[in-house]
Amino acid sequence: MCLGGIMMEHPLDVTYAGIKGYYLLLVLGGISIAFFMYQVQKATRLVLLGAPDKRFDSWGKRLKETLT
């Protein structure tokens, strides 16, 4: 990559504290995905704790409230 006549290395090709950029990206991506999945699992468990909702018990009344 060239910036103002200066050749620059791609950030993934650079070594950070002895770790190649590609490996660092893989580790950070894995941690991010694991944290996201943990949050989804936590939210799903919280939703499943609730009682079932009777949504289809009174169609007429619900439709009337929606239209008014």
N, C-alpha and C. Protein backbone atom coordinates (compact mmCIF):
# COMPACT_ATOMS: atom_id res chain seq x y z
N MET A 1 0.85 -1.16 0.00
CA MET A 1 0.00 0.00 0.00
C MET A 1 0.91 1.23 0.00
N CYS A 2 0.51 2.24 -0.73
CA CYS A 2 1.33 3.43 -0.85
C CYS A 2 0.54 4.63 -0.35
N LEU A 3 1.13 5.41 0.56
CA LEU A 3 0.49 6.59 1.10
C LEU A 3 1.45 7.75 0.97
N GLY A 4 1.19 8.63 0.04
CA GLY A 4 2.06 9.78 -0.16
C GLY A 4 3.47 9.39 -0.56
N GLY A 5 3.62 8.33 -1.32
CA GLY A 5 4.93 7.89 -1.76
C GLY A 5 5.64 6.99 -0.77
N ILE A 6 5.03 6.74 0.39
CA ILE A 6 5.64 5.88 1.42
C ILE A 6 4.94 4.53 1.39
N MET A 7 5.73 3.48 1.26
CA MET A 7 5.15 2.14 1.27
C MET A 7 4.79 1.74 2.70
N MET A 8 3.56 1.25 2.87
CA MET A 8 3.09 0.84 4.19
C MET A 8 2.77 -0.65 4.16
N GLU A 9 3.02 -1.32 5.28
CA GLU A 9 2.66 -2.73 5.40
C GLU A 9 1.19 -2.84 5.77
N HIS A 10 0.60 -3.93 5.36
CA HIS A 10 -0.79 -4.19 5.75
C HIS A 10 -0.79 -4.52 7.24
N PRO A 11 -1.76 -3.99 8.01
CA PRO A 11 -1.79 -4.23 9.45
C PRO A 11 -1.81 -5.70 9.85
N LEU A 12 -2.36 -6.57 9.00
CA LEU A 12 -2.39 -7.99 9.34
C LEU A 12 -1.05 -8.67 9.11
N ASP A 13 -0.18 -8.04 8.31
CA ASP A 13 1.14 -8.60 8.06
C ASP A 13 2.16 -8.18 9.12
N VAL A 14 1.83 -7.19 9.92
CA VAL A 14 2.74 -6.69 10.95
C VAL A 14 2.72 -7.63 12.15
N THR A 15 3.83 -7.69 12.89
CA THR A 15 3.92 -8.50 14.10
C THR A 15 3.76 -7.59 15.32
N TYR A 16 2.85 -7.93 16.21
CA TYR A 16 2.58 -7.15 17.42
C TYR A 16 3.02 -7.98 18.62
N ALA A 17 4.07 -7.54 19.31
CA ALA A 17 4.61 -8.23 20.49
C ALA A 17 4.88 -9.70 20.16
N GLY A 18 5.38 -9.96 18.97
CA GLY A 18 5.72 -11.33 18.58
C GLY A 18 4.56 -12.14 18.05
N ILE A 19 3.37 -11.52 17.92
CA ILE A 19 2.19 -12.23 17.43
C ILE A 19 1.81 -11.64 16.08
N LYS A 20 1.67 -12.50 15.07
CA LYS A 20 1.28 -12.01 13.74
C LYS A 20 -0.12 -11.41 13.80
N GLY A 21 -0.33 -10.40 12.99
CA GLY A 21 -1.61 -9.71 12.96
C GLY A 21 -2.79 -10.61 12.65
N TYR A 22 -2.57 -11.60 11.78
CA TYR A 22 -3.65 -12.54 11.44
C TYR A 22 -4.10 -13.32 12.67
N TYR A 23 -3.14 -13.79 13.45
CA TYR A 23 -3.50 -14.57 14.65
C TYR A 23 -4.18 -13.69 15.69
N LEU A 24 -3.70 -12.47 15.82
CA LEU A 24 -4.32 -11.53 16.76
C LEU A 24 -5.77 -11.27 16.36
N LEU A 25 -6.01 -11.09 15.07
CA LEU A 25 -7.37 -10.87 14.58
C LEU A 25 -8.25 -12.09 14.85
N LEU A 26 -7.72 -13.29 14.64
CA LEU A 26 -8.50 -14.50 14.90
C LEU A 26 -8.86 -14.63 16.38
N VAL A 27 -7.92 -14.33 17.26
CA VAL A 27 -8.18 -14.43 18.70
C VAL A 27 -9.21 -13.39 19.12
N LEU A 28 -9.04 -12.15 18.69
CA LEU A 28 -10.00 -11.11 19.06
C LEU A 28 -11.39 -11.39 18.47
N GLY A 29 -11.43 -11.91 17.25
CA GLY A 29 -12.71 -12.28 16.65
C GLY A 29 -13.38 -13.41 17.41
N GLY A 30 -12.59 -14.41 17.81
CA GLY A 30 -13.14 -15.52 18.58
C GLY A 30 -13.69 -15.08 19.93
N ILE A 31 -12.95 -14.19 20.60
CA ILE A 31 -13.41 -13.66 21.89
C ILE A 31 -14.70 -12.88 21.70
N SER A 32 -14.77 -12.07 20.65
CA SER A 32 -15.97 -11.28 20.39
C SER A 32 -17.18 -12.16 20.12
N ILE A 33 -17.00 -13.19 19.30
CA ILE A 33 -18.11 -14.09 18.99
C ILE A 33 -18.55 -14.85 20.23
N ALA A 34 -17.59 -15.28 21.05
CA ALA A 34 -17.93 -16.00 22.29
C ALA A 34 -18.72 -15.10 23.24
N PHE A 35 -18.31 -13.85 23.37
CA PHE A 35 -19.02 -12.92 24.25
C PHE A 35 -20.44 -12.65 23.73
N PHE A 36 -20.57 -12.50 22.41
CA PHE A 36 -21.89 -12.29 21.82
C PHE A 36 -22.80 -13.49 22.07
N MET A 37 -22.28 -14.69 21.89
CA MET A 37 -23.08 -15.89 22.11
C MET A 37 -23.49 -16.01 23.58
N TYR A 38 -22.60 -15.63 24.49
CA TYR A 38 -22.92 -15.64 25.92
C TYR A 38 -24.08 -14.68 26.20
N GLN A 39 -24.04 -13.49 25.61
CA GLN A 39 -25.10 -12.51 25.83
C GLN A 39 -26.43 -13.00 25.25
N VAL A 40 -26.39 -13.65 24.09
CA VAL A 40 -27.61 -14.19 23.49
C VAL A 40 -28.19 -15.29 24.38
N GLN A 41 -27.32 -16.15 24.90
CA GLN A 41 -27.78 -17.23 25.79
C GLN A 41 -28.41 -16.65 27.05
N LYS A 42 -27.79 -15.63 27.61
CA LYS A 42 -28.31 -15.00 28.82
C LYS A 42 -29.69 -14.37 28.56
N ALA A 43 -29.83 -13.68 27.44
CA ALA A 43 -31.11 -13.05 27.10
C ALA A 43 -32.18 -14.09 26.83
N THR A 44 -31.81 -15.18 26.16
CA THR A 44 -32.77 -16.24 25.86
C THR A 44 -33.27 -16.90 27.14
N ARG A 45 -32.37 -17.16 28.05
CA ARG A 45 -32.78 -17.77 29.33
C ARG A 45 -33.72 -16.85 30.10
N LEU A 46 -33.46 -15.55 30.05
CA LEU A 46 -34.31 -14.59 30.74
C LEU A 46 -35.70 -14.56 30.13
N VAL A 47 -35.79 -14.59 28.83
CA VAL A 47 -37.09 -14.60 28.15
C VAL A 47 -37.85 -15.88 28.47
N LEU A 48 -37.16 -17.01 28.50
CA LEU A 48 -37.82 -18.29 28.76
C LEU A 48 -38.30 -18.43 30.20
N LEU A 49 -37.82 -17.59 31.10
CA LEU A 49 -38.30 -17.63 32.48
C LEU A 49 -39.73 -17.11 32.61
N GLY A 50 -40.14 -16.27 31.68
CA GLY A 50 -41.47 -15.67 31.74
C GLY A 50 -42.57 -16.69 31.49
N ALA A 51 -43.76 -16.33 31.94
CA ALA A 51 -44.92 -17.20 31.75
C ALA A 51 -45.40 -17.11 30.31
N PRO A 52 -46.02 -18.16 29.80
CA PRO A 52 -46.56 -18.11 28.45
C PRO A 52 -47.65 -17.04 28.35
N ASP A 53 -47.74 -16.41 27.20
CA ASP A 53 -48.69 -15.33 26.98
C ASP A 53 -49.84 -15.83 26.12
N LYS A 54 -51.06 -15.56 26.56
CA LYS A 54 -52.24 -15.96 25.79
C LYS A 54 -52.54 -14.86 24.77
N ARG A 55 -51.97 -14.99 23.60
CA ARG A 55 -52.12 -13.94 22.58
C ARG A 55 -53.30 -14.20 21.65
N PHE A 56 -53.73 -15.40 21.55
CA PHE A 56 -54.74 -15.75 20.56
C PHE A 56 -56.07 -16.12 21.22
N ASP A 57 -56.34 -15.56 22.40
CA ASP A 57 -57.55 -15.95 23.12
C ASP A 57 -58.76 -15.10 22.74
N SER A 58 -58.58 -13.86 22.36
CA SER A 58 -59.73 -13.00 22.04
C SER A 58 -59.43 -12.16 20.80
N TRP A 59 -59.62 -12.76 19.65
CA TRP A 59 -59.30 -12.10 18.38
C TRP A 59 -60.16 -10.85 18.17
N GLY A 60 -61.44 -10.97 18.43
CA GLY A 60 -62.35 -9.86 18.17
C GLY A 60 -61.99 -8.62 18.99
N LYS A 61 -61.77 -8.81 20.26
CA LYS A 61 -61.45 -7.69 21.15
C LYS A 61 -60.13 -7.04 20.74
N ARG A 62 -59.14 -7.83 20.42
CA ARG A 62 -57.84 -7.29 20.02
C ARG A 62 -57.92 -6.54 18.69
N LEU A 63 -58.67 -7.08 17.75
CA LEU A 63 -58.82 -6.42 16.46
C LEU A 63 -59.56 -5.09 16.62
N LYS A 64 -60.58 -5.09 17.46
CA LYS A 64 -61.34 -3.86 17.72
C LYS A 64 -60.45 -2.79 18.34
N GLU A 65 -59.61 -3.17 19.31
CA GLU A 65 -58.70 -2.22 19.94
C GLU A 65 -57.66 -1.69 18.96
N THR A 66 -57.24 -2.54 18.03
CA THR A 66 -56.25 -2.12 17.04
C THR A 66 -56.84 -1.11 16.07
N LEU A 67 -58.08 -1.33 15.66
CA LEU A 67 -58.71 -0.45 14.66
C LEU A 67 -59.20 0.86 15.24
N THR A 68 -59.38 0.95 16.54
CA THR A 68 -59.87 2.21 17.14
C THR A 68 -58.76 3.08 17.63
